[in-house]
């Protein structure tokens, strides 16, 4: 089992544990704010399941129907996560407005705060693990899950502060007000996750920093070529797709042209990891007036 799959399974178990703790905190107190926190944890569990399925699909090898692989499955998972986040926010808003119209004192607020705090610490640690491993393994599903979990940590902290203030001041209206603030923050988070995931589905190019690295690698490993032009990129899950035209001197043999391509491909794989490279070799009369890379 791959590292990504192991983390996805562990994320599901963590999600169930945190959901149980937050549901218990709500059941003990009747707090609308703590209910909003529990609803967000329910979304975490659902999206953890979606991420697990997407990672399994994305790991499948290329086949006749999917010759470029299944990498984009993780982006669908991330979009689903964004949609689920927004649905959770709307549910929280409904509960908060009801509580705002009829604020109620909380029962056993101190016990609920302690339990919610334990759940928040677990989420804080796990969100860092997800983002770190997801970035290292180039898994959009894990990174999206980690970022969502981090917003959960922030909102949970706000919920705890709100419940503490309501308990210490007796102003129980603070409880639904905090829930509304949580819902607005979650809406923003969901929209951001969807926007970033759609960029991958739309074959958005790599970042300028990564493109600059690609140019440097081609320039340093393409000795013997004349120039490289029309460098294009896109990313799909953990894989980065790169294609470009490589102009070689007219008297270059197929063997030597292939050697140049092999050097470039090796350099790109060492620099970027999981890459799919297509190089179109052209004779010298195909030189472009403005090239991406000109070799010395």
C-alpha atoms as a PDB file:
ATOM      1  CA  UNK A   1       0.000   0.000   0.000  1.00  0.00           C
ATOM      2  CA  UNK A   2       1.378   3.433  -0.974  1.00  0.00           C
ATOM      3  CA  UNK A   3       2.122   6.195   1.526  1.00  0.00           C
ATOM      4  CA  UNK A   4      -0.732   8.254   0.108  1.00  0.00           C
ATOM      5  CA  UNK A   5      -3.207   5.423   0.599  1.00  0.00           C
ATOM      6  CA  UNK A   6      -2.040   4.798   4.169  1.00  0.00           C
ATOM      7  CA  UNK A   7      -2.489   8.477   5.019  1.00  0.00           C
ATOM      8  CA  UNK A   8      -5.934   8.518   3.384  1.00  0.00           C
ATOM      9  CA  UNK A   9      -7.059   5.545   5.518  1.00  0.00           C
ATOM     10  CA  UNK A  10      -5.613   7.122   8.657  1.00  0.00           C
ATOM     11  CA  UNK A  11      -7.386  10.384   7.808  1.00  0.00           C
ATOM     12  CA  UNK A  12     -10.697   8.556   7.728  1.00  0.00           C
ATOM     13  CA  UNK A  13     -10.090   7.058  11.184  1.00  0.00           C
ATOM     14  CA  UNK A  14      -9.048  10.443  12.588  1.00  0.00           C
ATOM     15  CA  UNK A  15     -12.176  11.984  11.071  1.00  0.00           C
ATOM     16  CA  UNK A  16     -14.450   9.475  12.801  1.00  0.00           C
ATOM     17  CA  UNK A  17     -12.691  10.002  16.140  1.00  0.00           C
ATOM     18  CA  UNK A  18     -12.951  13.797  15.962  1.00  0.00           C
ATOM     19  CA  UNK A  19     -16.583  13.611  14.814  1.00  0.00           C
ATOM     20  CA  UNK A  20     -17.399  11.462  17.824  1.00  0.00           C
ATOM     21  CA  UNK A  21     -15.742  13.897  20.232  1.00  0.00           C
ATOM     22  CA  UNK A  22     -17.421  16.975  18.760  1.00  0.00           C
ATOM     23  CA  UNK A  23     -20.827  15.296  18.667  1.00  0.00           C
ATOM     24  CA  UNK A  24     -20.384  14.425  22.331  1.00  0.00           C
ATOM     25  CA  UNK A  25     -19.473  18.055  23.102  1.00  0.00           C
ATOM     26  CA  UNK A  26     -22.662  19.255  21.393  1.00  0.00           C
ATOM     27  CA  UNK A  27     -24.822  16.617  23.101  1.00  0.00           C
ATOM     28  CA  UNK A  28     -23.529  17.695  26.527  1.00  0.00           C
ATOM     29  CA  UNK A  29     -24.037  21.432  25.983  1.00  0.00           C
ATOM     30  CA  UNK A  30     -26.727  21.964  23.335  1.00  0.00           C
ATOM     31  CA  UNK A  31     -24.486  24.698  21.872  1.00  0.00           C
ATOM     32  CA  UNK A  32     -25.328  25.778  18.309  1.00  0.00           C
ATOM     33  CA  UNK A  33     -21.692  26.778  17.819  1.00  0.00           C
ATOM     34  CA  UNK A  34     -20.495  23.325  18.882  1.00  0.00           C
ATOM     35  CA  UNK A  35     -23.134  21.785  16.610  1.00  0.00           C
ATOM     36  CA  UNK A  36     -21.678  23.774  13.706  1.00  0.00           C
ATOM     37  CA  UNK A  37     -18.264  22.401  14.603  1.00  0.00           C
ATOM     38  CA  UNK A  38     -19.624  18.843  14.636  1.00  0.00           C
ATOM     39  CA  UNK A  39     -21.307  19.325  11.256  1.00  0.00           C
ATOM     40  CA  UNK A  40     -18.017  20.416   9.754  1.00  0.00           C
ATOM     41  CA  UNK A  41     -16.371  17.284  11.149  1.00  0.00           C
ATOM     42  CA  UNK A  42     -19.098  15.214   9.485  1.00  0.00           C
ATOM     43  CA  UNK A  43     -18.068  16.834   6.201  1.00  0.00           C
ATOM     44  CA  UNK A  44     -14.466  15.888   6.995  1.00  0.00           C
ATOM     45  CA  UNK A  45     -15.460  12.234   7.221  1.00  0.00           C
ATOM     46  CA  UNK A  46     -17.412  12.320   3.950  1.00  0.00           C
ATOM     47  CA  UNK A  47     -14.574  14.057   2.093  1.00  0.00           C
ATOM     48  CA  UNK A  48     -12.006  11.679   3.600  1.00  0.00           C
ATOM     49  CA  UNK A  49     -13.967   8.819   2.022  1.00  0.00           C
ATOM     50  CA  UNK A  50     -14.054  10.689  -1.297  1.00  0.00           C
ATOM     51  CA  UNK A  51     -10.295  11.357  -1.103  1.00  0.00           C
ATOM     52  CA  UNK A  52      -9.617   7.692  -0.384  1.00  0.00           C
ATOM     53  CA  UNK A  53     -11.605   6.579  -3.433  1.00  0.00           C
ATOM     54  CA  UNK A  54     -10.019   9.256  -5.642  1.00  0.00           C
ATOM     55  CA  UNK A  55      -6.487   8.322  -4.606  1.00  0.00           C
ATOM     56  CA  UNK A  56      -7.158   4.663  -5.409  1.00  0.00           C
ATOM     57  CA  UNK A  57      -8.528   5.593  -8.837  1.00  0.00           C
ATOM     58  CA  UNK A  58      -5.670   8.031  -9.535  1.00  0.00           C
ATOM     59  CA  UNK A  59      -3.122   5.295  -8.760  1.00  0.00           C
ATOM     60  CA  UNK A  60      -4.554   3.004 -11.452  1.00  0.00           C
ATOM     61  CA  UNK A  61      -2.236   2.547 -14.439  1.00  0.00           C
ATOM     62  CA  UNK A  62      -3.051   3.929 -17.851  1.00  0.00           C
ATOM     63  CA  UNK A  63      -5.311   1.781 -20.030  1.00  0.00           C
ATOM     64  CA  UNK A  64      -6.864   1.857 -23.496  1.00  0.00           C
ATOM     65  CA  UNK A  65      -9.657   4.193 -22.381  1.00  0.00           C
ATOM     66  CA  UNK A  66      -7.373   6.397 -20.279  1.00  0.00           C
ATOM     67  CA  UNK A  67      -3.990   6.415 -22.080  1.00  0.00           C
ATOM     68  CA  UNK A  68      -2.773   9.372 -19.996  1.00  0.00           C
ATOM     69  CA  UNK A  69      -3.673   7.716 -16.693  1.00  0.00           C
ATOM     70  CA  UNK A  70      -6.304   8.514 -14.062  1.00  0.00           C
ATOM     71  CA  UNK A  71      -4.510  11.364 -12.266  1.00  0.00           C
ATOM     72  CA  UNK A  72      -7.374  13.847 -12.500  1.00  0.00           C
ATOM     73  CA  UNK A  73      -9.569  11.721 -10.243  1.00  0.00           C
ATOM     74  CA  UNK A  74      -8.058  13.560  -7.266  1.00  0.00           C
ATOM     75  CA  UNK A  75      -9.262  16.900  -8.602  1.00  0.00           C
ATOM     76  CA  UNK A  76     -12.844  15.584  -8.703  1.00  0.00           C
ATOM     77  CA  UNK A  77     -12.448  14.606  -5.060  1.00  0.00           C
ATOM     78  CA  UNK A  78     -11.241  18.086  -4.179  1.00  0.00           C
ATOM     79  CA  UNK A  79     -14.200  19.682  -6.015  1.00  0.00           C
ATOM     80  CA  UNK A  80     -16.576  17.398  -4.126  1.00  0.00           C
ATOM     81  CA  UNK A  81     -14.914  18.443  -0.895  1.00  0.00           C
ATOM     82  CA  UNK A  82     -15.481  22.096  -1.726  1.00  0.00           C
ATOM     83  CA  UNK A  83     -19.155  21.450  -2.467  1.00  0.00           C
ATOM     84  CA  UNK A  84     -19.576  19.523   0.792  1.00  0.00           C
ATOM     85  CA  UNK A  85     -17.915  22.350   2.733  1.00  0.00           C
ATOM     86  CA  UNK A  86     -20.424  24.840   1.296  1.00  0.00           C
ATOM     87  CA  UNK A  87     -23.367  22.546   2.117  1.00  0.00           C
ATOM     88  CA  UNK A  88     -22.105  22.260   5.703  1.00  0.00           C
ATOM     89  CA  UNK A  89     -21.854  26.035   5.944  1.00  0.00           C
ATOM     90  CA  UNK A  90     -25.458  26.446   4.788  1.00  0.00           C
ATOM     91  CA  UNK A  91     -26.643  23.894   7.357  1.00  0.00           C
ATOM     92  CA  UNK A  92     -24.755  25.747  10.069  1.00  0.00           C
ATOM     93  CA  UNK A  93     -26.311  29.050   9.009  1.00  0.00           C
ATOM     94  CA  UNK A  94     -29.781  27.545   9.291  1.00  0.00           C
ATOM     95  CA  UNK A  95     -29.115  26.276  12.824  1.00  0.00           C
ATOM     96  CA  UNK A  96     -27.450  29.541  13.827  1.00  0.00           C
ATOM     97  CA  UNK A  97     -30.356  31.690  12.659  1.00  0.00           C
ATOM     98  CA  UNK A  98     -32.749  29.466  14.618  1.00  0.00           C
ATOM     99  CA  UNK A  99     -30.566  29.868  17.700  1.00  0.00           C
ATOM    100  CA  UNK A 100     -30.309  33.607  17.153  1.00  0.00           C
ATOM    101  CA  UNK A 101     -34.099  33.930  17.251  1.00  0.00           C
ATOM    102  CA  UNK A 102     -34.325  31.872  20.444  1.00  0.00           C
ATOM    103  CA  UNK A 103     -31.011  31.868  22.384  1.00  0.00           C
ATOM    104  CA  UNK A 104     -30.752  29.215  25.120  1.00  0.00           C
ATOM    105  CA  UNK A 105     -28.345  28.812  28.090  1.00  0.00           C
ATOM    106  CA  UNK A 106     -25.808  26.013  27.694  1.00  0.00           C
ATOM    107  CA  UNK A 107     -25.650  22.857  29.787  1.00  0.00           C
ATOM    108  CA  UNK A 108     -22.268  21.564  31.059  1.00  0.00           C
ATOM    109  CA  UNK A 109     -20.359  24.120  28.955  1.00  0.00           C
ATOM    110  CA  UNK A 110     -17.003  23.453  30.634  1.00  0.00           C
ATOM    111  CA  UNK A 111     -17.094  19.723  29.813  1.00  0.00           C
ATOM    112  CA  UNK A 112     -18.061  20.513  26.227  1.00  0.00           C
ATOM    113  CA  UNK A 113     -15.178  22.984  25.897  1.00  0.00           C
ATOM    114  CA  UNK A 114     -12.618  20.440  27.163  1.00  0.00           C
ATOM    115  CA  UNK A 115     -13.835  17.747  24.749  1.00  0.00           C
ATOM    116  CA  UNK A 116     -13.908  20.195  21.824  1.00  0.00           C
ATOM    117  CA  UNK A 117     -10.383  21.353  22.685  1.00  0.00           C
ATOM    118  CA  UNK A 118      -9.078  17.771  22.565  1.00  0.00           C
ATOM    119  CA  UNK A 119     -10.689  17.274  19.151  1.00  0.00           C
ATOM    120  CA  UNK A 120      -9.196  20.557  17.905  1.00  0.00           C
ATOM    121  CA  UNK A 121      -5.668  19.559  18.942  1.00  0.00           C
ATOM    122  CA  UNK A 122      -6.046  16.238  17.101  1.00  0.00           C
ATOM    123  CA  UNK A 123      -7.183  18.067  13.964  1.00  0.00           C
ATOM    124  CA  UNK A 124      -4.340  20.589  14.206  1.00  0.00           C
ATOM    125  CA  UNK A 125      -1.704  17.848  14.299  1.00  0.00           C
ATOM    126  CA  UNK A 126      -3.340  15.826  11.550  1.00  0.00           C
ATOM    127  CA  UNK A 127      -3.841  18.807   9.214  1.00  0.00           C
ATOM    128  CA  UNK A 128      -0.077  19.427   9.282  1.00  0.00           C
ATOM    129  CA  UNK A 129       0.566  15.765   8.481  1.00  0.00           C
ATOM    130  CA  UNK A 130      -1.859  15.831   5.537  1.00  0.00           C
ATOM    131  CA  UNK A 131      -0.431  19.011   4.010  1.00  0.00           C
ATOM    132  CA  UNK A 132       3.171  17.872   4.462  1.00  0.00           C
ATOM    133  CA  UNK A 133       2.638  14.378   3.022  1.00  0.00           C
ATOM    134  CA  UNK A 134       0.254  15.634   0.317  1.00  0.00           C
ATOM    135  CA  UNK A 135       2.800  18.217  -0.845  1.00  0.00           C
ATOM    136  CA  UNK A 136       5.639  15.679  -0.807  1.00  0.00           C
ATOM    137  CA  UNK A 137       3.599  13.041  -2.665  1.00  0.00           C
ATOM    138  CA  UNK A 138       2.002  15.671  -4.937  1.00  0.00           C
ATOM    139  CA  UNK A 139      -1.520  14.603  -3.992  1.00  0.00           C
ATOM    140  CA  UNK A 140      -4.162  17.356  -4.487  1.00  0.00           C
ATOM    141  CA  UNK A 141      -6.731  15.312  -2.562  1.00  0.00           C
ATOM    142  CA  UNK A 142      -4.561  15.091   0.572  1.00  0.00           C
ATOM    143  CA  UNK A 143      -3.513  18.745   0.377  1.00  0.00           C
ATOM    144  CA  UNK A 144      -7.149  19.866  -0.029  1.00  0.00           C
ATOM    145  CA  UNK A 145      -8.147  17.649   2.896  1.00  0.00           C
ATOM    146  CA  UNK A 146      -5.347  19.098   5.020  1.00  0.00           C
ATOM    147  CA  UNK A 147      -6.230  22.691   4.198  1.00  0.00           C
ATOM    148  CA  UNK A 148      -9.876  22.063   4.960  1.00  0.00           C
ATOM    149  CA  UNK A 149      -8.903  20.458   8.249  1.00  0.00           C
ATOM    150  CA  UNK A 150      -6.798  23.505   9.109  1.00  0.00           C
ATOM    151  CA  UNK A 151      -9.793  25.793   8.565  1.00  0.00           C
ATOM    152  CA  UNK A 152     -11.671  23.452  10.872  1.00  0.00           C
ATOM    153  CA  UNK A 153      -8.979  24.037  13.504  1.00  0.00           C
ATOM    154  CA  UNK A 154      -9.288  27.808  13.153  1.00  0.00           C
ATOM    155  CA  UNK A 155     -13.072  27.763  13.332  1.00  0.00           C
ATOM    156  CA  UNK A 156     -13.022  25.323  16.251  1.00  0.00           C
ATOM    157  CA  UNK A 157     -10.768  27.707  18.146  1.00  0.00           C
ATOM    158  CA  UNK A 158     -13.244  30.512  17.432  1.00  0.00           C
ATOM    159  CA  UNK A 159     -16.119  28.335  18.608  1.00  0.00           C
ATOM    160  CA  UNK A 160     -14.340  27.553  21.877  1.00  0.00           C
ATOM    161  CA  UNK A 161     -13.631  31.240  22.493  1.00  0.00           C
ATOM    162  CA  UNK A 162     -17.272  32.087  21.757  1.00  0.00           C
ATOM    163  CA  UNK A 163     -18.600  29.431  24.128  1.00  0.00           C
ATOM    164  CA  UNK A 164     -16.196  30.593  26.853  1.00  0.00           C
ATOM    165  CA  UNK A 165     -17.369  34.195  26.421  1.00  0.00           C
ATOM    166  CA  UNK A 166     -21.039  33.166  26.450  1.00  0.00           C
ATOM    167  CA  UNK A 167     -20.464  31.110  29.596  1.00  0.00           C
ATOM    168  CA  UNK A 168     -18.537  33.864  31.404  1.00  0.00           C
ATOM    169  CA  UNK A 169     -20.854  36.757  30.457  1.00  0.00           C
ATOM    170  CA  UNK A 170     -24.198  34.961  30.387  1.00  0.00           C
ATOM    171  CA  UNK A 171     -24.871  36.536  26.990  1.00  0.00           C
ATOM    172  CA  UNK A 172     -26.075  33.346  25.284  1.00  0.00           C
ATOM    173  CA  UNK A 173     -26.687  35.211  22.027  1.00  0.00           C
ATOM    174  CA  UNK A 174     -22.926  34.874  21.454  1.00  0.00           C
ATOM    175  CA  UNK A 175     -23.357  31.151  20.786  1.00  0.00           C
ATOM    176  CA  UNK A 176     -25.383  31.458  17.539  1.00  0.00           C
ATOM    177  CA  UNK A 177     -23.409  34.575  16.528  1.00  0.00           C
ATOM    178  CA  UNK A 178     -20.177  32.573  16.648  1.00  0.00           C
ATOM    179  CA  UNK A 179     -21.848  29.833  14.595  1.00  0.00           C
ATOM    180  CA  UNK A 180     -22.708  32.397  11.895  1.00  0.00           C
ATOM    181  CA  UNK A 181     -19.090  33.608  11.781  1.00  0.00           C
ATOM    182  CA  UNK A 182     -17.955  29.982  11.480  1.00  0.00           C
ATOM    183  CA  UNK A 183     -20.371  29.389   8.594  1.00  0.00           C
ATOM    184  CA  UNK A 184     -19.133  32.430   6.645  1.00  0.00           C
ATOM    185  CA  UNK A 185     -15.515  31.318   7.096  1.00  0.00           C
ATOM    186  CA  UNK A 186     -16.382  27.808   5.915  1.00  0.00           C
ATOM    187  CA  UNK A 187     -18.152  29.187   2.825  1.00  0.00           C
ATOM    188  CA  UNK A 188     -14.993  31.080   1.870  1.00  0.00           C
ATOM    189  CA  UNK A 189     -12.879  27.959   2.413  1.00  0.00           C
ATOM    190  CA  UNK A 190     -15.160  25.818   0.241  1.00  0.00           C
ATOM    191  CA  UNK A 191     -15.109  28.327  -2.602  1.00  0.00           C
ATOM    192  CA  UNK A 192     -11.302  28.434  -2.491  1.00  0.00           C
ATOM    193  CA  UNK A 193     -10.974  24.626  -2.644  1.00  0.00           C
ATOM    194  CA  UNK A 194     -13.330  24.461  -5.647  1.00  0.00           C
ATOM    195  CA  UNK A 195     -11.493  27.244  -7.469  1.00  0.00           C
ATOM    196  CA  UNK A 196      -8.085  25.594  -7.032  1.00  0.00           C
ATOM    197  CA  UNK A 197      -9.382  22.177  -8.073  1.00  0.00           C
ATOM    198  CA  UNK A 198     -11.060  23.508 -11.212  1.00  0.00           C
ATOM    199  CA  UNK A 199      -7.733  24.984 -12.315  1.00  0.00           C
ATOM    200  CA  UNK A 200      -6.351  21.439 -12.460  1.00  0.00           C
ATOM    201  CA  UNK A 201      -9.365  20.117 -14.342  1.00  0.00           C
ATOM    202  CA  UNK A 202      -8.942  22.948 -16.856  1.00  0.00           C
ATOM    203  CA  UNK A 203      -5.311  21.913 -17.531  1.00  0.00           C
ATOM    204  CA  UNK A 204      -3.838  25.051 -16.000  1.00  0.00           C
ATOM    205  CA  UNK A 205      -0.097  25.449 -16.563  1.00  0.00           C
ATOM    206  CA  UNK A 206       2.412  24.948 -13.764  1.00  0.00           C
ATOM    207  CA  UNK A 207       3.406  27.918 -11.612  1.00  0.00           C
ATOM    208  CA  UNK A 208       5.905  30.482 -12.975  1.00  0.00           C
ATOM    209  CA  UNK A 209       8.483  29.181 -10.490  1.00  0.00           C
ATOM    210  CA  UNK A 210       8.110  25.611 -11.760  1.00  0.00           C
ATOM    211  CA  UNK A 211       8.193  26.775 -15.376  1.00  0.00           C
ATOM    212  CA  UNK A 212      11.445  28.637 -14.676  1.00  0.00           C
ATOM    213  CA  UNK A 213      12.884  25.437 -13.194  1.00  0.00           C
ATOM    214  CA  UNK A 214      11.831  23.466 -16.277  1.00  0.00           C
ATOM    215  CA  UNK A 215      13.580  26.002 -18.517  1.00  0.00           C
ATOM    216  CA  UNK A 216      16.758  25.833 -16.414  1.00  0.00           C
ATOM    217  CA  UNK A 217      16.828  22.038 -16.533  1.00  0.00           C
ATOM    218  CA  UNK A 218      16.315  21.935 -20.305  1.00  0.00           C
ATOM    219  CA  UNK A 219      18.999  24.581 -20.809  1.00  0.00           C
ATOM    220  CA  UNK A 220      21.531  22.718 -18.650  1.00  0.00           C
ATOM    221  CA  UNK A 221      20.924  19.238 -20.083  1.00  0.00           C
ATOM    222  CA  UNK A 222      20.231  19.944 -23.757  1.00  0.00           C
ATOM    223  CA  UNK A 223      23.839  20.320 -24.916  1.00  0.00           C
ATOM    224  CA  UNK A 224      24.078  19.578 -28.618  1.00  0.00           C
ATOM    225  CA  UNK A 225      20.686  21.079 -29.494  1.00  0.00           C
ATOM    226  CA  UNK A 226      20.090  24.492 -31.067  1.00  0.00           C
ATOM    227  CA  UNK A 227      16.977  25.684 -29.245  1.00  0.00           C
ATOM    228  CA  UNK A 228      13.746  24.636 -27.579  1.00  0.00           C
ATOM    229  CA  UNK A 229      10.447  26.365 -28.219  1.00  0.00           C
ATOM    230  CA  UNK A 230       6.724  26.055 -27.515  1.00  0.00           C
ATOM    231  CA  UNK A 231       7.284  24.656 -24.026  1.00  0.00           C
ATOM    232  CA  UNK A 232       3.848  23.747 -22.662  1.00  0.00           C
ATOM    233  CA  UNK A 233       2.851  22.277 -19.322  1.00  0.00           C
ATOM    234  CA  UNK A 234      -0.160  21.084 -17.379  1.00  0.00           C
ATOM    235  CA  UNK A 235      -0.617  19.201 -14.154  1.00  0.00           C
ATOM    236  CA  UNK A 236      -2.969  16.355 -13.321  1.00  0.00           C
ATOM    237  CA  UNK A 237      -2.808  15.106  -9.756  1.00  0.00           C
ATOM    238  CA  UNK A 238       0.745  14.095  -8.940  1.00  0.00           C
ATOM    239  CA  UNK A 239       1.827  14.099 -12.589  1.00  0.00           C
ATOM    240  CA  UNK A 240       3.195  17.072 -14.511  1.00  0.00           C
ATOM    241  CA  UNK A 241       2.924  16.928 -18.307  1.00  0.00           C
ATOM    242  CA  UNK A 242       5.594  18.725 -20.343  1.00  0.00           C
ATOM    243  CA  UNK A 243       5.913  18.934 -24.108  1.00  0.00           C
ATOM    244  CA  UNK A 244       8.087  21.081 -26.347  1.00  0.00           C
ATOM    245  CA  UNK A 245       9.899  21.246 -29.685  1.00  0.00           C
ATOM    246  CA  UNK A 246      13.655  20.619 -29.679  1.00  0.00           C
ATOM    247  CA  UNK A 247      15.622  21.891 -32.689  1.00  0.00           C
ATOM    248  CA  UNK A 248      18.865  20.035 -33.458  1.00  0.00           C
ATOM    249  CA  UNK A 249      21.533  20.618 -36.130  1.00  0.00           C
ATOM    250  CA  UNK A 250      20.607  19.188 -39.512  1.00  0.00           C
ATOM    251  CA  UNK A 251      23.428  16.640 -39.489  1.00  0.00           C
ATOM    252  CA  UNK A 252      22.478  15.184 -36.087  1.00  0.00           C
ATOM    253  CA  UNK A 253      21.827  11.445 -36.237  1.00  0.00           C
ATOM    254  CA  UNK A 254      18.713   9.879 -34.767  1.00  0.00           C
ATOM    255  CA  UNK A 255      20.945   8.193 -32.177  1.00  0.00           C
ATOM    256  CA  UNK A 256      22.487  11.464 -30.964  1.00  0.00           C
ATOM    257  CA  UNK A 257      19.142  13.299 -30.998  1.00  0.00           C
ATOM    258  CA  UNK A 258      17.748  10.519 -28.837  1.00  0.00           C
ATOM    259  CA  UNK A 259      20.680  10.863 -26.430  1.00  0.00           C
ATOM    260  CA  UNK A 260      19.952  14.589 -26.010  1.00  0.00           C
ATOM    261  CA  UNK A 261      16.300  13.850 -25.294  1.00  0.00           C
ATOM    262  CA  UNK A 262      17.262  11.175 -22.750  1.00  0.00           C
ATOM    263  CA  UNK A 263      19.490  13.656 -20.872  1.00  0.00           C
ATOM    264  CA  UNK A 264      16.744  16.267 -20.768  1.00  0.00           C
ATOM    265  CA  UNK A 265      14.131  13.756 -19.609  1.00  0.00           C
ATOM    266  CA  UNK A 266      16.407  12.431 -16.865  1.00  0.00           C
ATOM    267  CA  UNK A 267      17.082  15.968 -15.633  1.00  0.00           C
ATOM    268  CA  UNK A 268      13.385  16.862 -15.579  1.00  0.00           C
ATOM    269  CA  UNK A 269      12.489  13.691 -13.661  1.00  0.00           C
ATOM    270  CA  UNK A 270      15.193  14.344 -11.094  1.00  0.00           C
ATOM    271  CA  UNK A 271      13.974  17.927 -10.611  1.00  0.00           C
ATOM    272  CA  UNK A 272      10.200  17.374 -10.693  1.00  0.00           C
ATOM    273  CA  UNK A 273       9.544  13.729  -9.854  1.00  0.00           C
ATOM    274  CA  UNK A 274       6.461  12.333 -11.587  1.00  0.00           C
ATOM    275  CA  UNK A 275       6.547  13.875 -15.084  1.00  0.00           C
ATOM    276  CA  UNK A 276       5.254  12.869 -18.514  1.00  0.00           C
ATOM    277  CA  UNK A 277       7.510  14.317 -21.211  1.00  0.00           C
ATOM    278  CA  UNK A 278       6.932  14.600 -24.955  1.00  0.00           C
ATOM    279  CA  UNK A 279       9.753  16.059 -27.063  1.00  0.00           C
ATOM    280  CA  UNK A 280       9.228  16.766 -30.769  1.00  0.00           C
ATOM    281  CA  UNK A 281      12.653  16.804 -32.471  1.00  0.00           C
ATOM    282  CA  UNK A 282      12.977  19.164 -35.451  1.00  0.00           C
ATOM    283  CA  UNK A 283      15.751  19.964 -37.944  1.00  0.00           C
ATOM    284  CA  UNK A 284      17.633  23.262 -37.874  1.00  0.00           C
ATOM    285  CA  UNK A 285      15.503  25.030 -40.489  1.00  0.00           C
ATOM    286  CA  UNK A 286      12.621  24.907 -37.964  1.00  0.00           C
ATOM    287  CA  UNK A 287      14.330  27.467 -35.724  1.00  0.00           C
ATOM    288  CA  UNK A 288      11.856  29.977 -34.282  1.00  0.00           C
ATOM    289  CA  UNK A 289      12.656  33.725 -34.233  1.00  0.00           C
ATOM    290  CA  UNK A 290      11.709  33.805 -30.558  1.00  0.00           C
ATOM    291  CA  UNK A 291      12.620  30.613 -28.690  1.00  0.00           C
ATOM    292  CA  UNK A 292      12.018  29.653 -25.059  1.00  0.00           C
ATOM    293  CA  UNK A 293      15.581  28.333 -24.687  1.00  0.00           C
ATOM    294  CA  UNK A 294      18.650  28.899 -26.874  1.00  0.00           C
ATOM    295  CA  UNK A 295      21.595  26.591 -26.289  1.00  0.00           C
ATOM    296  CA  UNK A 296      25.165  27.839 -26.381  1.00  0.00           C
END
